[in-house]
Amino acid sequence: MDGNFEDPVVVKAMEHNNYTLEILTQVAMAKRREQLLKVDEQIALRVKTLNGLQTSYEALVNRKIHIERLQLQNELLRRDLEAVDVEAIVHDKPTKTSGKQA
């Protein structure tokens, strides 16, 4: 039928058998239910596979960026620690006035 439900021959055949478009759709789906379920399962499996591939691809592509980001974070932490160490050394040195009390 090629989806042409307005063809006069199709309309006449549907009226002759007391069918509507909804009834024909329901009958067709009922007859092909098992095939439709198999197709649904295949689609779900392919979607799951594609999601896994996308995750792997993104991890591979973003790996360089992630490594660079971690290296920059490590450098910032190293600088922060060096700054804390320098401040601690400066504050620990005794001053001339701090050692003598009046």
Protein backbone atom coordinates (compact mmCIF):
# COMPACT_ATOMS: atom_id res chain seq x y z
CA MET A 1 0.00 0.00 0.00
CA ASP A 2 3.03 2.29 0.41
CA GLY A 3 1.26 4.14 3.23
CA ASN A 4 -1.34 5.61 0.86
CA PHE A 5 -4.53 5.17 2.88
CA GLU A 6 -6.39 7.81 0.86
CA ASP A 7 -6.36 5.70 -2.30
CA PRO A 8 -10.00 5.00 -3.22
CA VAL A 9 -9.32 1.29 -3.66
CA VAL A 10 -7.81 1.07 -0.18
CA VAL A 11 -10.62 3.11 1.38
CA LYS A 12 -13.24 0.88 -0.30
CA ALA A 13 -11.47 -2.32 0.88
CA MET A 14 -11.26 -0.98 4.44
CA GLU A 15 -14.96 -0.04 4.45
CA HIS A 16 -15.92 -3.43 2.99
CA ASN A 17 -14.10 -5.23 5.84
CA ASN A 18 -15.20 -2.74 8.53
CA TYR A 19 -11.61 -1.64 9.22
CA THR A 20 -10.34 1.73 10.26
CA LEU A 21 -6.76 2.92 10.12
CA GLU A 22 -6.42 2.38 13.88
CA ILE A 23 -7.73 -1.20 13.66
CA LEU A 24 -5.38 -2.01 10.78
CA THR A 25 -2.45 -0.61 12.75
CA GLN A 26 -3.37 -2.67 15.81
CA VAL A 27 -3.78 -5.86 13.78
CA ALA A 28 -0.46 -5.33 12.01
CA MET A 29 1.35 -4.67 15.29
CA ALA A 30 -0.23 -7.72 16.91
CA LYS A 31 0.89 -9.94 14.02
CA ARG A 32 4.43 -8.56 14.11
CA ARG A 33 4.75 -8.21 17.89
CA GLU A 34 7.64 -10.67 18.25
CA GLN A 35 9.57 -9.09 15.40
CA LEU A 36 8.99 -5.62 16.87
CA LEU A 37 10.23 -6.79 20.27
CA LYS A 38 13.38 -8.23 18.68
CA VAL A 39 14.00 -4.97 16.84
CA ASP A 40 13.50 -3.03 20.09
CA GLU A 41 16.02 -5.27 21.85
CA GLN A 42 18.54 -4.82 19.05
CA ILE A 43 18.09 -1.05 19.17
CA ALA A 44 18.59 -1.02 22.95
CA LEU A 45 21.75 -3.12 22.61
CA ARG A 46 23.13 -0.84 19.90
CA VAL A 47 22.37 2.25 21.99
CA LYS A 48 24.21 0.70 24.93
CA THR A 49 27.17 -0.19 22.70
CA LEU A 50 27.27 3.30 21.19
CA ASN A 51 27.17 4.88 24.66
CA GLY A 52 30.15 2.74 25.68
CA LEU A 53 32.03 3.69 22.52
CA GLN A 54 31.25 7.37 23.05
CA THR A 55 32.51 7.19 26.63
CA SER A 56 35.71 5.50 25.50
CA TYR A 57 36.22 8.01 22.70
CA GLU A 58 35.68 10.98 25.01
CA ALA A 59 38.09 9.52 27.53
CA LEU A 60 40.71 9.04 24.82
CA VAL A 61 40.26 12.51 23.35
CA ASN A 62 40.11 14.25 26.73
CA ARG A 63 43.05 12.29 28.14
CA LYS A 64 45.66 14.84 27.01
CA ILE A 65 43.60 17.72 28.37
CA HIS A 66 43.02 15.88 31.65
CA ILE A 67 46.74 15.13 32.05
CA GLU A 68 47.64 18.77 31.39
CA ARG A 69 45.00 19.95 33.87
CA LEU A 70 46.36 17.61 36.55
CA GLN A 71 49.92 18.79 35.88
CA LEU A 72 48.83 22.41 36.26
CA GLN A 73 47.00 21.60 39.50
CA ASN A 74 50.10 19.84 40.82
CA GLU A 75 52.23 22.87 39.92
CA LEU A 76 49.82 25.19 41.74
CA LEU A 77 49.89 22.95 44.82
CA ARG A 78 53.68 22.84 44.70
CA ARG A 79 53.84 26.66 44.55
CA ASP A 80 51.37 26.98 47.42
CA LEU A 81 53.44 24.61 49.55
CA GLU A 82 56.64 26.51 48.75
CA ALA A 83 54.95 29.76 49.75
CA VAL A 84 53.81 28.25 53.05
CA ASP A 85 57.32 26.91 53.75
CA VAL A 86 58.89 30.32 53.08
CA GLU A 87 56.43 32.09 55.39
CA ALA A 88 57.04 29.55 58.14
CA ILE A 89 60.81 30.02 57.94
CA VAL A 90 60.48 33.82 58.05
CA HIS A 91 58.19 33.71 61.11
CA ASP A 92 60.34 31.19 62.99
CA LYS A 93 63.51 33.34 62.95
CA PRO A 94 63.98 35.01 66.32
CA THR A 95 64.10 38.78 66.28
CA LYS A 96 66.24 40.93 68.58
CA THR A 97 63.26 42.19 70.54
CA SER A 98 61.42 38.91 70.84
CA GLY A 99 64.22 37.24 72.85
CA LYS A 100 64.45 39.94 75.56
CA GLN A 101 61.76 40.83 77.98
CA ALA A 102 61.79 43.93 80.16
